């Protein structure tokens, strides 16, 4: 073996200069398997919440009067274009 680098196999993991590059095993994988359905559900709920928020904001923007739109630098055409977007479109 070379003195500068030590390469070899140790229980299925490569060891290089005293660092163990073992793949993630057992407990971490089990946690991921059980956490994944909850994470997917949470992500779906956040997505629906974002869609509802977009819809509310677009309705509120559409309800603004001409003076307020002028104050924030938008035209009625800008507002119509934004209000016509589907709720899932950013």
PDB file of N, CA and C in Angstrom:
ATOM      1  N   UNK A   1       0.821  -1.182   0.000  1.00  0.00           N
ATOM      2  CA  UNK A   1       0.000   0.000   0.000  1.00  0.00           C
ATOM      3  C   UNK A   1       0.868   1.249   0.000  1.00  0.00           C
ATOM      4  N   UNK A   2       0.415   2.252  -0.662  1.00  0.00           N
ATOM      5  CA  UNK A   2       1.117   3.520  -0.731  1.00  0.00           C
ATOM      6  C   UNK A   2       0.932   4.263   0.591  1.00  0.00           C
ATOM      7  N   UNK A   3       1.959   4.941   1.074  1.00  0.00           N
ATOM      8  CA  UNK A   3       1.879   5.655   2.342  1.00  0.00           C
ATOM      9  C   UNK A   3       0.993   6.893   2.264  1.00  0.00           C
ATOM     10  N   UNK A   4       0.911   7.560   1.087  1.00  0.00           N
ATOM     11  CA  UNK A   4       0.142   8.799   0.960  1.00  0.00           C
ATOM     12  C   UNK A   4      -1.355   8.524   0.888  1.00  0.00           C
ATOM     13  N   UNK A   5      -1.737   7.470   0.181  1.00  0.00           N
ATOM     14  CA  UNK A   5      -3.158   7.148   0.074  1.00  0.00           C
ATOM     15  C   UNK A   5      -3.361   5.693   0.449  1.00  0.00           C
ATOM     16  N   UNK A   6      -4.398   5.458   1.177  1.00  0.00           N
ATOM     17  CA  UNK A   6      -4.734   4.092   1.577  1.00  0.00           C
ATOM     18  C   UNK A   6      -6.063   3.753   0.935  1.00  0.00           C
ATOM     19  N   UNK A   7      -6.045   2.887  -0.048  1.00  0.00           N
ATOM     20  CA  UNK A   7      -7.271   2.503  -0.726  1.00  0.00           C
ATOM     21  C   UNK A   7      -7.571   1.051  -0.424  1.00  0.00           C
ATOM     22  N   UNK A   8      -8.824   0.731  -0.266  1.00  0.00           N
ATOM     23  CA  UNK A   8      -9.194  -0.645  -0.029  1.00  0.00           C
ATOM     24  C   UNK A   8     -10.685  -0.772   0.180  1.00  0.00           C
ATOM     25  N   UNK A   9     -11.098  -1.963   0.478  1.00  0.00           N
ATOM     26  CA  UNK A   9     -12.511  -2.212   0.733  1.00  0.00           C
ATOM     27  C   UNK A   9     -12.689  -2.575   2.196  1.00  0.00           C
ATOM     28  N   UNK A  10     -13.677  -1.965   2.815  1.00  0.00           N
ATOM     29  CA  UNK A  10     -13.978  -2.245   4.208  1.00  0.00           C
ATOM     30  C   UNK A  10     -15.495  -2.349   4.328  1.00  0.00           C
ATOM     31  N   UNK A  11     -15.992  -3.546   4.472  1.00  0.00           N
ATOM     32  CA  UNK A  11     -17.432  -3.769   4.618  1.00  0.00           C
ATOM     33  C   UNK A  11     -18.240  -3.120   3.491  1.00  0.00           C
ATOM     34  N   UNK A  12     -17.792  -3.227   2.261  1.00  0.00           N
ATOM     35  CA  UNK A  12     -18.533  -2.719   1.113  1.00  0.00           C
ATOM     36  C   UNK A  12     -18.362  -1.227   0.882  1.00  0.00           C
ATOM     37  N   UNK A  13     -17.527  -0.553   1.670  1.00  0.00           N
ATOM     38  CA  UNK A  13     -17.322   0.885   1.515  1.00  0.00           C
ATOM     39  C   UNK A  13     -15.867   1.155   1.147  1.00  0.00           C
ATOM     40  N   UNK A  14     -15.647   2.115   0.310  1.00  0.00           N
ATOM     41  CA  UNK A  14     -14.297   2.475  -0.085  1.00  0.00           C
ATOM     42  C   UNK A  14     -13.686   3.381   0.973  1.00  0.00           C
ATOM     43  N   UNK A  15     -12.439   3.079   1.333  1.00  0.00           N
ATOM     44  CA  UNK A  15     -11.726   3.904   2.306  1.00  0.00           C
ATOM     45  C   UNK A  15     -10.581   4.572   1.573  1.00  0.00           C
ATOM     46  N   UNK A  16     -10.503   5.882   1.624  1.00  0.00           N
ATOM     47  CA  UNK A  16      -9.462   6.637   0.957  1.00  0.00           C
ATOM     48  C   UNK A  16      -8.916   7.653   1.942  1.00  0.00           C
ATOM     49  N   UNK A  17      -7.667   7.518   2.288  1.00  0.00           N
ATOM     50  CA  UNK A  17      -7.005   8.401   3.238  1.00  0.00           C
ATOM     51  C   UNK A  17      -7.778   8.508   4.547  1.00  0.00           C
ATOM     52  N   UNK A  18      -8.280   7.401   5.037  1.00  0.00           N
ATOM     53  CA  UNK A  18      -8.955   7.386   6.334  1.00  0.00           C
ATOM     54  C   UNK A  18     -10.382   7.900   6.318  1.00  0.00           C
ATOM     55  N   UNK A  19     -10.919   8.257   5.142  1.00  0.00           N
ATOM     56  CA  UNK A  19     -12.298   8.744   5.050  1.00  0.00           C
ATOM     57  C   UNK A  19     -13.167   7.620   4.526  1.00  0.00           C
ATOM     58  N   UNK A  20     -14.267   7.363   5.192  1.00  0.00           N
ATOM     59  CA  UNK A  20     -15.165   6.280   4.810  1.00  0.00           C
ATOM     60  C   UNK A  20     -16.258   6.837   3.903  1.00  0.00           C
ATOM     61  N   UNK A  21     -16.334   6.353   2.667  1.00  0.00           N
ATOM     62  CA  UNK A  21     -17.333   6.793   1.709  1.00  0.00           C
ATOM     63  C   UNK A  21     -18.464   5.765   1.615  1.00  0.00           C
ATOM     64  N   UNK A  22     -19.001   5.366   2.737  1.00  0.00           N
ATOM     65  CA  UNK A  22     -20.053   4.352   2.753  1.00  0.00           C
ATOM     66  C   UNK A  22     -21.370   4.979   2.295  1.00  0.00           C
ATOM     67  N   UNK A  23     -22.166   4.234   1.542  1.00  0.00           N
ATOM     68  CA  UNK A  23     -23.482   4.764   1.181  1.00  0.00           C
ATOM     69  C   UNK A  23     -24.382   4.829   2.411  1.00  0.00           C
ATOM     70  N   UNK A  24     -25.385   5.706   2.352  1.00  0.00           N
ATOM     71  CA  UNK A  24     -26.330   5.826   3.469  1.00  0.00           C
ATOM     72  C   UNK A  24     -27.033   4.490   3.659  1.00  0.00           C
ATOM     73  N   UNK A  25     -27.183   4.087   4.891  1.00  0.00           N
ATOM     74  CA  UNK A  25     -27.751   2.766   5.161  1.00  0.00           C
ATOM     75  C   UNK A  25     -28.901   2.823   6.145  1.00  0.00           C
ATOM     76  N   UNK A  26     -29.467   1.741   6.412  1.00  0.00           N
ATOM     77  CA  UNK A  26     -30.512   1.328   7.345  1.00  0.00           C
ATOM     78  C   UNK A  26     -31.388   2.431   7.919  1.00  0.00           C
ATOM     79  N   UNK A  27     -31.040   3.009   9.049  1.00  0.00           N
ATOM     80  CA  UNK A  27     -31.941   3.916   9.769  1.00  0.00           C
ATOM     81  C   UNK A  27     -32.341   5.105   8.907  1.00  0.00           C
ATOM     82  N   UNK A  28     -31.381   5.693   8.209  1.00  0.00           N
ATOM     83  CA  UNK A  28     -31.688   6.844   7.366  1.00  0.00           C
ATOM     84  C   UNK A  28     -32.656   6.452   6.252  1.00  0.00           C
ATOM     85  N   UNK A  29     -32.454   5.308   5.642  1.00  0.00           N
ATOM     86  CA  UNK A  29     -33.350   4.867   4.572  1.00  0.00           C
ATOM     87  C   UNK A  29     -34.743   4.567   5.109  1.00  0.00           C
ATOM     88  N   UNK A  30     -34.814   3.967   6.302  1.00  0.00           N
ATOM     89  CA  UNK A  30     -36.125   3.692   6.884  1.00  0.00           C
ATOM     90  C   UNK A  30     -36.880   4.983   7.162  1.00  0.00           C
ATOM     91  N   UNK A  31     -36.180   5.989   7.678  1.00  0.00           N
ATOM     92  CA  UNK A  31     -36.829   7.275   7.958  1.00  0.00           C
ATOM     93  C   UNK A  31     -37.356   7.892   6.675  1.00  0.00           C
ATOM     94  N   UNK A  32     -36.586   7.814   5.602  1.00  0.00           N
ATOM     95  CA  UNK A  32     -37.003   8.390   4.329  1.00  0.00           C
ATOM     96  C   UNK A  32     -38.241   7.689   3.807  1.00  0.00           C
ATOM     97  N   UNK A  33     -38.278   6.354   3.909  1.00  0.00           N
ATOM     98  CA  UNK A  33     -39.440   5.615   3.423  1.00  0.00           C
ATOM     99  C   UNK A  33     -40.719   6.033   4.145  1.00  0.00           C
ATOM    100  N   UNK A  34     -40.644   6.205   5.460  1.00  0.00           N
ATOM    101  CA  UNK A  34     -41.842   6.561   6.219  1.00  0.00           C
ATOM    102  C   UNK A  34     -42.156   8.039   6.117  1.00  0.00           C
ATOM    103  N   UNK A  35     -41.155   8.867   5.907  1.00  0.00           N
ATOM    104  CA  UNK A  35     -41.380  10.306   5.828  1.00  0.00           C
ATOM    105  C   UNK A  35     -41.913  10.724   4.459  1.00  0.00           C
ATOM    106  N   UNK A  36     -41.614   9.960   3.431  1.00  0.00           N
ATOM    107  CA  UNK A  36     -41.976  10.349   2.072  1.00  0.00           C
ATOM    108  C   UNK A  36     -43.475  10.587   1.885  1.00  0.00           C
ATOM    109  N   UNK A  37     -44.370   9.715   2.340  1.00  0.00           N
ATOM    110  CA  UNK A  37     -45.796   9.997   2.142  1.00  0.00           C
ATOM    111  C   UNK A  37     -46.236  11.282   2.840  1.00  0.00           C
ATOM    112  N   UNK A  38     -45.719  11.533   4.038  1.00  0.00           N
ATOM    113  CA  UNK A  38     -46.085  12.768   4.750  1.00  0.00           C
ATOM    114  C   UNK A  38     -45.518  13.976   4.039  1.00  0.00           C
ATOM    115  N   UNK A  39     -44.311  13.847   3.527  1.00  0.00           N
ATOM    116  CA  UNK A  39     -43.693  14.955   2.800  1.00  0.00           C
ATOM    117  C   UNK A  39     -44.479  15.265   1.531  1.00  0.00           C
ATOM    118  N   UNK A  40     -44.944  14.228   0.853  1.00  0.00           N
ATOM    119  CA  UNK A  40     -45.749  14.443  -0.353  1.00  0.00           C
ATOM    120  C   UNK A  40     -47.072  15.122  -0.020  1.00  0.00           C
ATOM    121  N   UNK A  41     -47.699  14.686   1.065  1.00  0.00           N
ATOM    122  CA  UNK A  41     -48.953  15.305   1.478  1.00  0.00           C
ATOM    123  C   UNK A  41     -48.737  16.765   1.856  1.00  0.00           C
ATOM    124  N   UNK A  42     -47.686  17.038   2.604  1.00  0.00           N
ATOM    125  CA  UNK A  42     -47.379  18.404   3.003  1.00  0.00           C
ATOM    126  C   UNK A  42     -47.099  19.276   1.786  1.00  0.00           C
ATOM    127  N   UNK A  43     -46.358  18.739   0.842  1.00  0.00           N
ATOM    128  CA  UNK A  43     -46.061  19.487  -0.381  1.00  0.00           C
ATOM    129  C   UNK A  43     -47.336  19.779  -1.165  1.00  0.00           C
ATOM    130  N   UNK A  44     -48.235  18.804  -1.244  1.00  0.00           N
ATOM    131  CA  UNK A  44     -49.504  19.006  -1.953  1.00  0.00           C
ATOM    132  C   UNK A  44     -50.337  20.083  -1.267  1.00  0.00           C
ATOM    133  N   UNK A  45     -50.383  20.060   0.059  1.00  0.00           N
ATOM    134  CA  UNK A  45     -51.141  21.082   0.786  1.00  0.00           C
ATOM    135  C   UNK A  45     -50.548  22.474   0.584  1.00  0.00           C
ATOM    136  N   UNK A  46     -49.229  22.554   0.581  1.00  0.00           N
ATOM    137  CA  UNK A  46     -48.586  23.855   0.343  1.00  0.00           C
ATOM    138  C   UNK A  46     -48.872  24.353  -1.065  1.00  0.00           C
ATOM    139  N   UNK A  47     -48.889  23.448  -2.025  1.00  0.00           N
ATOM    140  CA  UNK A  47     -49.165  23.833  -3.407  1.00  0.00           C
ATOM    141  C   UNK A  47     -50.582  24.353  -3.549  1.00  0.00           C
ATOM    142  N   UNK A  48     -51.541  23.672  -2.957  1.00  0.00           N
ATOM    143  CA  UNK A  48     -52.935  24.121  -3.014  1.00  0.00           C
ATOM    144  C   UNK A  48     -53.078  25.476  -2.324  1.00  0.00           C
ATOM    145  N   UNK A  49     -52.387  25.645  -1.200  1.00  0.00           N
ATOM    146  CA  UNK A  49     -52.421  26.919  -0.490  1.00  0.00           C
ATOM    147  C   UNK A  49     -51.857  28.048  -1.357  1.00  0.00           C
ATOM    148  N   UNK A  50     -50.773  27.770  -2.066  1.00  0.00           N
ATOM    149  CA  UNK A  50     -50.185  28.760  -2.969  1.00  0.00           C
ATOM    150  C   UNK A  50     -51.154  29.113  -4.083  1.00  0.00           C
ATOM    151  N   UNK A  51     -51.809  28.116  -4.648  1.00  0.00           N
ATOM    152  CA  UNK A  51     -52.786  28.371  -5.712  1.00  0.00           C
ATOM    153  C   UNK A  51     -53.929  29.252  -5.218  1.00  0.00           C
ATOM    154  N   UNK A  52     -54.435  28.969  -4.020  1.00  0.00           N
ATOM    155  CA  UNK A  52     -55.530  29.779  -3.459  1.00  0.00           C
ATOM    156  C   UNK A  52     -55.074  31.217  -3.221  1.00  0.00           C
ATOM    157  N   UNK A  53     -53.839  31.355  -2.738  1.00  0.00           N
ATOM    158  CA  UNK A  53     -53.302  32.697  -2.490  1.00  0.00           C
ATOM    159  C   UNK A  53     -53.178  33.482  -3.791  1.00  0.00           C
ATOM    160  N   UNK A  54     -52.688  32.835  -4.841  1.00  0.00           N
ATOM    161  CA  UNK A  54     -52.592  33.500  -6.150  1.00  0.00           C
ATOM    162  C   UNK A  54     -53.956  33.952  -6.632  1.00  0.00           C
ATOM    163  N   UNK A  55     -54.932  33.085  -6.484  1.00  0.00           N
ATOM    164  CA  UNK A  55     -56.283  33.414  -6.922  1.00  0.00           C
ATOM    165  C   UNK A  55     -56.830  34.623  -6.158  1.00  0.00           C
ATOM    166  N   UNK A  56     -56.648  34.616  -4.839  1.00  0.00           N
ATOM    167  CA  UNK A  56     -57.115  35.756  -4.021  1.00  0.00           C
ATOM    168  C   UNK A  56     -56.413  37.052  -4.408  1.00  0.00           C
ATOM    169  N   UNK A  57     -55.096  36.986  -4.623  1.00  0.00           N
ATOM    170  CA  UNK A  57     -54.345  38.187  -4.990  1.00  0.00           C
ATOM    171  C   UNK A  57     -54.787  38.720  -6.344  1.00  0.00           C
ATOM    172  N   UNK A  58     -55.051  37.838  -7.272  1.00  0.00           N
ATOM    173  CA  UNK A  58     -55.488  38.288  -8.601  1.00  0.00           C
ATOM    174  C   UNK A  58     -56.872  38.904  -8.558  1.00  0.00           C
ATOM    175  N   UNK A  59     -57.738  38.346  -7.734  1.00  0.00           N
ATOM    176  CA  UNK A  59     -59.072  38.949  -7.572  1.00  0.00           C
ATOM    177  C   UNK A  59     -58.970  40.320  -6.918  1.00  0.00           C
ATOM    178  N   UNK A  60     -58.117  40.443  -5.913  1.00  0.00           N
ATOM    179  CA  UNK A  60     -57.942  41.734  -5.238  1.00  0.00           C
ATOM    180  C   UNK A  60     -57.338  42.759  -6.196  1.00  0.00           C
ATOM    181  N   UNK A  61     -56.372  42.343  -7.008  1.00  0.00           N
ATOM    182  CA  UNK A  61     -55.761  43.242  -7.982  1.00  0.00           C
ATOM    183  C   UNK A  61     -56.798  43.707  -8.995  1.00  0.00           C
ATOM    184  N   UNK A  62     -57.651  42.801  -9.419  1.00  0.00           N
ATOM    185  CA  UNK A  62     -58.691  43.136 -10.391  1.00  0.00           C
ATOM    186  C   UNK A  62     -59.713  44.114  -9.809  1.00  0.00           C
ATOM    187  N   UNK A  63     -59.864  44.112  -8.495  1.00  0.00           N
ATOM    188  CA  UNK A  63     -60.847  44.985  -7.852  1.00  0.00           C
ATOM    189  C   UNK A  63     -60.329  46.405  -7.602  1.00  0.00           C
ATOM    190  N   UNK A  64     -59.038  46.640  -7.833  1.00  0.00           N
ATOM    191  CA  UNK A  64     -58.477  47.975  -7.573  1.00  0.00           C
ATOM    192  C   UNK A  64     -58.992  48.988  -8.588  1.00  0.00           C
ATOM    193  N   UNK A  65     -59.132  50.234  -8.140  1.00  0.00           N
ATOM    194  CA  UNK A  65     -59.600  51.294  -9.040  1.00  0.00           C
ATOM    195  C   UNK A  65     -58.426  51.852  -9.857  1.00  0.00           C
ATOM    196  N   UNK A  66     -58.735  52.685 -10.836  1.00  0.00           N
ATOM    197  CA  UNK A  66     -57.734  53.212 -11.772  1.00  0.00           C
ATOM    198  C   UNK A  66     -56.668  54.035 -11.053  1.00  0.00           C
ATOM    199  N   UNK A  67     -57.072  54.818 -10.058  1.00  0.00           N
ATOM    200  CA  UNK A  67     -56.108  55.668  -9.336  1.00  0.00           C
ATOM    201  C   UNK A  67     -55.070  54.811  -8.592  1.00  0.00           C
ATOM    202  N   UNK A  68     -55.527  53.777  -7.930  1.00  0.00           N
ATOM    203  CA  UNK A  68     -54.612  52.895  -7.196  1.00  0.00           C
ATOM    204  C   UNK A  68     -53.682  52.178  -8.164  1.00  0.00           C
ATOM    205  N   UNK A  69     -54.216  51.733  -9.293  1.00  0.00           N
ATOM    206  CA  UNK A  69     -53.379  51.066 -10.290  1.00  0.00           C
ATOM    207  C   UNK A  69     -52.298  52.017 -10.810  1.00  0.00           C
ATOM    208  N   UNK A  70     -52.677  53.279 -11.032  1.00  0.00           N
ATOM    209  CA  UNK A  70     -51.701  54.275 -11.472  1.00  0.00           C
ATOM    210  C   UNK A  70     -50.608  54.458 -10.410  1.00  0.00           C
ATOM    211  N   UNK A  71     -51.018  54.457  -9.144  1.00  0.00           N
ATOM    212  CA  UNK A  71     -50.059  54.625  -8.044  1.00  0.00           C
ATOM    213  C   UNK A  71     -49.032  53.490  -7.996  1.00  0.00           C
ATOM    214  N   UNK A  72     -49.448  52.289  -8.304  1.00  0.00           N
ATOM    215  CA  UNK A  72     -48.508  51.164  -8.249  1.00  0.00           C
ATOM    216  C   UNK A  72     -47.869  50.874  -9.609  1.00  0.00           C
ATOM    217  N   UNK A  73     -48.195  51.688 -10.604  1.00  0.00           N
ATOM    218  CA  UNK A  73     -47.530  51.581 -11.900  1.00  0.00           C
ATOM    219  C   UNK A  73     -48.063  50.498 -12.806  1.00  0.00           C
ATOM    220  N   UNK A  74     -49.335  50.156 -12.667  1.00  0.00           N
ATOM    221  CA  UNK A  74     -49.950  49.143 -13.530  1.00  0.00           C
ATOM    222  C   UNK A  74     -51.063  49.760 -14.355  1.00  0.00           C
ATOM    223  N   UNK A  75     -51.308  49.170 -15.514  1.00  0.00           N
ATOM    224  CA  UNK A  75     -52.437  49.585 -16.337  1.00  0.00           C
ATOM    225  C   UNK A  75     -53.554  48.555 -16.201  1.00  0.00           C
ATOM    226  N   UNK A  76     -54.719  48.913 -16.649  1.00  0.00           N
ATOM    227  CA  UNK A  76     -55.844  47.974 -16.601  1.00  0.00           C
ATOM    228  C   UNK A  76     -55.547  46.754 -17.465  1.00  0.00           C
ATOM    229  N   UNK A  77     -54.811  46.933 -18.550  1.00  0.00           N
ATOM    230  CA  UNK A  77     -54.437  45.803 -19.423  1.00  0.00           C
ATOM    231  C   UNK A  77     -53.513  44.838 -18.675  1.00  0.00           C
ATOM    232  N   UNK A  78     -52.569  45.385 -17.882  1.00  0.00           N
ATOM    233  CA  UNK A  78     -51.688  44.521 -17.078  1.00  0.00           C
ATOM    234  C   UNK A  78     -52.508  43.690 -16.103  1.00  0.00           C
ATOM    235  N   UNK A  79     -53.466  44.335 -15.481  1.00  0.00           N
ATOM    236  CA  UNK A  79     -54.303  43.653 -14.490  1.00  0.00           C
ATOM    237  C   UNK A  79     -55.157  42.585 -15.161  1.00  0.00           C
ATOM    238  N   UNK A  80     -55.742  42.905 -16.312  1.00  0.00           N
ATOM    239  CA  UNK A  80     -56.559  41.918 -17.026  1.00  0.00           C
ATOM    240  C   UNK A  80     -55.727  40.700 -17.423  1.00  0.00           C
ATOM    241  N   UNK A  81     -54.496  40.968 -17.894  1.00  0.00           N
ATOM    242  CA  UNK A  81     -53.614  39.872 -18.287  1.00  0.00           C
ATOM    243  C   UNK A  81     -53.296  38.981 -17.082  1.00  0.00           C
ATOM    244  N   UNK A  82     -53.026  39.592 -15.940  1.00  0.00           N
ATOM    245  CA  UNK A  82     -52.726  38.824 -14.728  1.00  0.00           C
ATOM    246  C   UNK A  82     -53.973  38.089 -14.224  1.00  0.00           C
ATOM    247  N   UNK A  83     -55.120  38.735 -14.263  1.00  0.00           N
ATOM    248  CA  UNK A  83     -56.363  38.140 -13.751  1.00  0.00           C
ATOM    249  C   UNK A  83     -56.829  36.965 -14.612  1.00  0.00           C
ATOM    250  N   UNK A  84     -56.473  36.971 -15.898  1.00  0.00           N
ATOM    251  CA  UNK A  84     -56.898  35.879 -16.786  1.00  0.00           C
ATOM    252  C   UNK A  84     -56.079  34.610 -16.608  1.00  0.00           C
ATOM    253  N   UNK A  85     -54.924  34.708 -15.930  1.00  0.00           N
ATOM    254  CA  UNK A  85     -54.071  33.524 -15.745  1.00  0.00           C
ATOM    255  C   UNK A  85     -54.785  32.488 -14.895  1.00  0.00           C
ATOM    256  N   UNK A  86     -54.508  31.233 -15.188  1.00  0.00           N
ATOM    257  CA  UNK A  86     -55.016  30.147 -14.364  1.00  0.00           C
ATOM    258  C   UNK A  86     -54.310  30.178 -13.019  1.00  0.00           C
ATOM    259  N   UNK A  87     -54.960  29.670 -12.014  1.00  0.00           N
ATOM    260  CA  UNK A  87     -54.420  29.743 -10.643  1.00  0.00           C
ATOM    261  C   UNK A  87     -53.082  29.037 -10.476  1.00  0.00           C
ATOM    262  N   UNK A  88     -52.777  28.058 -11.300  1.00  0.00           N
ATOM    263  CA  UNK A  88     -51.509  27.338 -11.142  1.00  0.00           C
ATOM    264  C   UNK A  88     -50.356  28.029 -11.887  1.00  0.00           C
ATOM    265  N   UNK A  89     -50.665  29.046 -12.670  1.00  0.00           N
ATOM    266  CA  UNK A  89     -49.614  29.769 -13.404  1.00  0.00           C
ATOM    267  C   UNK A  89     -49.022  30.867 -12.517  1.00  0.00           C
ATOM    268  N   UNK A  90     -47.699  30.929 -12.452  1.00  0.00           N
ATOM    269  CA  UNK A  90     -47.071  32.008 -11.661  1.00  0.00           C
ATOM    270  C   UNK A  90     -47.207  33.350 -12.341  1.00  0.00           C
TER     271      UNK A  90
END
